[in-house]
Amino acid sequence: VAFDIPANLDYTRVQFRTMATSSSRSSSDIIVGNIENINHSIDTNHELDVQVKIDWHGRRADITGVVINANPSRYQGRVPYATMVPSGTEVRLTAPQEVVTNINFKRWEGIGCSTTSNTVNIEMTRNRECFAVYALD
């Protein structure tokens, strides 16, 4: 019998119920049983999606090709990019202060990644979409 074990449960005993058809019977039997002392480890990853936007005369546009540094460095990239990060990992993203002359960093936006500093610490407890926002000074 195959079944999924939810990652958010912490237990050592699971009860299952399944239908089994016997070749010697014409009806189905319900089988109830227990599986005890389950040890499981589930690797959960979350997606980190990083983008750069520019506020330009009341409108917002995408900027591509900007390198966002990260610590750990394996999560850095050239926007737009997405990477998978293990649950619970803290990632520090750093956006450049200026992408083009007079186009300066203003803030990070997104759930779990909002700040006016160009460096943001993100705890990867869920999928995150983070936007580095720039504007013309």
Protein backbone atom coordinates (compact mmCIF):
# COMPACT_ATOMS: atom_id res chain seq x y z
CA VAL A 1 0.00 0.00 0.00
CA ALA A 2 1.42 3.38 -0.94
CA PHE A 3 0.30 6.63 0.64
CA ASP A 4 1.59 10.13 1.24
CA ILE A 5 2.71 11.27 4.68
CA PRO A 6 2.06 14.99 5.25
CA ALA A 7 5.28 16.82 6.09
CA ASN A 8 3.68 18.93 8.81
CA LEU A 9 2.72 15.99 11.04
CA ASP A 10 4.94 14.66 13.77
CA TYR A 11 3.91 11.21 14.85
CA THR A 12 5.12 7.66 15.28
CA ARG A 13 1.92 5.80 14.47
CA VAL A 14 -0.27 5.95 11.36
CA GLN A 15 -3.56 4.18 10.85
CA PHE A 16 -4.59 3.23 7.35
CA ARG A 17 -7.68 1.81 5.70
CA THR A 18 -7.75 0.37 2.21
CA MET A 19 -9.96 -1.74 -0.01
CA ALA A 20 -8.56 -5.09 -1.05
CA THR A 21 -10.08 -7.46 -3.54
CA SER A 22 -9.49 -11.13 -3.01
CA SER A 23 -9.40 -13.47 -5.99
CA SER A 24 -11.22 -16.05 -3.87
CA ARG A 25 -14.08 -13.66 -3.04
CA SER A 26 -16.41 -11.68 -5.18
CA SER A 27 -16.58 -8.76 -2.76
CA SER A 28 -14.04 -6.28 -1.47
CA ASP A 29 -12.80 -6.39 2.10
CA ILE A 30 -11.85 -3.33 4.12
CA ILE A 31 -8.45 -3.83 5.69
CA VAL A 32 -7.59 -1.71 8.70
CA GLY A 33 -4.09 -1.75 10.09
CA ASN A 34 -1.40 0.22 11.81
CA ILE A 35 2.09 1.18 10.79
CA GLU A 36 4.17 1.98 13.82
CA ASN A 37 7.41 3.89 14.36
CA ILE A 38 7.58 5.61 11.01
CA ASN A 39 10.78 7.53 10.55
CA HIS A 40 10.64 9.97 7.71
CA SER A 41 12.63 12.87 6.48
CA ILE A 42 11.08 15.12 3.88
CA ASP A 43 13.25 17.66 2.09
CA THR A 44 11.14 20.72 1.46
CA ASN A 45 12.37 23.35 -0.94
CA HIS A 46 10.90 26.74 -1.69
CA GLU A 47 11.26 28.88 -4.78
CA LEU A 48 13.02 32.23 -4.50
CA ASP A 49 12.01 34.42 -7.45
CA VAL A 50 14.07 37.63 -7.80
CA GLN A 51 13.25 40.51 -10.12
CA VAL A 52 14.22 44.15 -10.61
CA LYS A 53 11.66 46.86 -11.36
CA ILE A 54 11.98 50.55 -12.15
CA ASP A 55 9.41 53.16 -11.20
CA TRP A 56 9.40 55.51 -14.16
CA HIS A 57 7.02 58.49 -14.32
CA GLY A 58 4.27 56.67 -12.43
CA ARG A 59 4.75 53.42 -14.33
CA ARG A 60 6.64 50.28 -13.45
CA ALA A 61 8.86 48.36 -15.85
CA ASP A 62 11.10 45.30 -15.62
CA ILE A 63 14.87 45.59 -15.74
CA THR A 64 16.83 42.52 -16.84
CA GLY A 65 20.47 41.56 -16.51
CA VAL A 66 21.17 43.16 -13.11
CA VAL A 67 23.27 40.89 -10.87
CA ILE A 68 21.85 40.39 -7.39
CA ASN A 69 24.46 39.14 -4.93
CA ALA A 70 23.48 36.58 -2.34
CA ASN A 71 24.83 34.90 0.74
CA PRO A 72 25.05 31.92 0.40
CA SER A 73 26.43 32.77 -3.04
CA ARG A 74 24.75 29.83 -4.78
CA TYR A 75 21.47 31.82 -4.61
CA GLN A 76 22.75 34.86 -6.52
CA GLY A 77 21.95 35.48 -10.14
CA ARG A 78 21.21 37.80 -13.02
CA VAL A 79 17.58 38.95 -12.94
CA PRO A 80 15.06 37.75 -13.56
CA TYR A 81 15.90 34.44 -11.95
CA ALA A 82 14.40 31.79 -9.71
CA THR A 83 16.17 29.25 -7.56
CA MET A 84 15.12 26.49 -5.19
CA VAL A 85 16.18 26.95 -1.55
CA PRO A 86 15.81 24.43 1.30
CA SER A 87 13.15 25.32 3.83
CA GLY A 88 14.46 27.28 6.82
CA THR A 89 17.51 28.61 4.97
CA GLU A 90 18.25 32.30 5.48
CA VAL A 91 19.30 34.06 2.28
CA ARG A 92 20.76 37.56 2.17
CA LEU A 93 20.19 39.40 -1.11
CA THR A 94 22.10 42.56 -2.00
CA ALA A 95 21.05 44.77 -4.89
CA PRO A 96 23.48 47.29 -6.41
CA GLN A 97 22.93 50.91 -5.30
CA GLU A 98 22.78 52.09 -8.91
CA VAL A 99 21.97 50.16 -12.10
CA VAL A 100 22.54 53.03 -14.56
CA THR A 101 23.60 56.61 -13.92
CA ASN A 102 20.89 58.28 -11.80
CA ILE A 103 18.76 55.11 -11.59
CA ASN A 104 19.13 54.30 -7.88
CA PHE A 105 17.93 51.62 -5.53
CA LYS A 106 14.84 52.56 -3.49
CA ARG A 107 13.55 49.43 -1.73
CA TRP A 108 12.93 45.70 -1.71
CA GLU A 109 9.28 44.64 -2.04
CA GLY A 110 7.56 41.33 -1.44
CA ILE A 111 6.22 39.25 1.42
CA GLY A 112 9.13 38.56 3.76
CA CYS A 113 11.51 40.79 1.83
CA SER A 114 10.37 44.38 2.33
CA THR A 115 12.98 46.96 3.37
CA THR A 116 14.48 50.24 2.23
CA SER A 117 18.00 48.84 2.65
CA ASN A 118 19.61 47.41 -0.48
CA THR A 119 20.37 44.27 1.56
CA VAL A 120 17.51 42.06 2.71
CA ASN A 121 17.54 38.88 4.81
CA ILE A 122 14.92 36.34 3.78
CA GLU A 123 13.95 33.28 5.78
CA MET A 124 12.80 30.65 3.31
CA THR A 125 9.73 29.27 5.05
CA ARG A 126 7.62 29.49 1.87
CA ASN A 127 7.98 30.50 -1.77
CA ARG A 128 9.19 34.11 -2.02
CA GLU A 129 8.93 36.67 -4.78
CA CYS A 130 11.28 39.61 -4.15
CA PHE A 131 11.51 42.78 -6.19
CA ALA A 132 14.40 45.25 -6.07
CA VAL A 133 12.82 48.59 -6.98
CA TYR A 134 14.77 51.45 -8.57
CA ALA A 135 13.79 54.97 -9.57
CA LEU A 136 15.26 57.90 -11.45
CA ASP A 137 16.80 60.49 -9.10
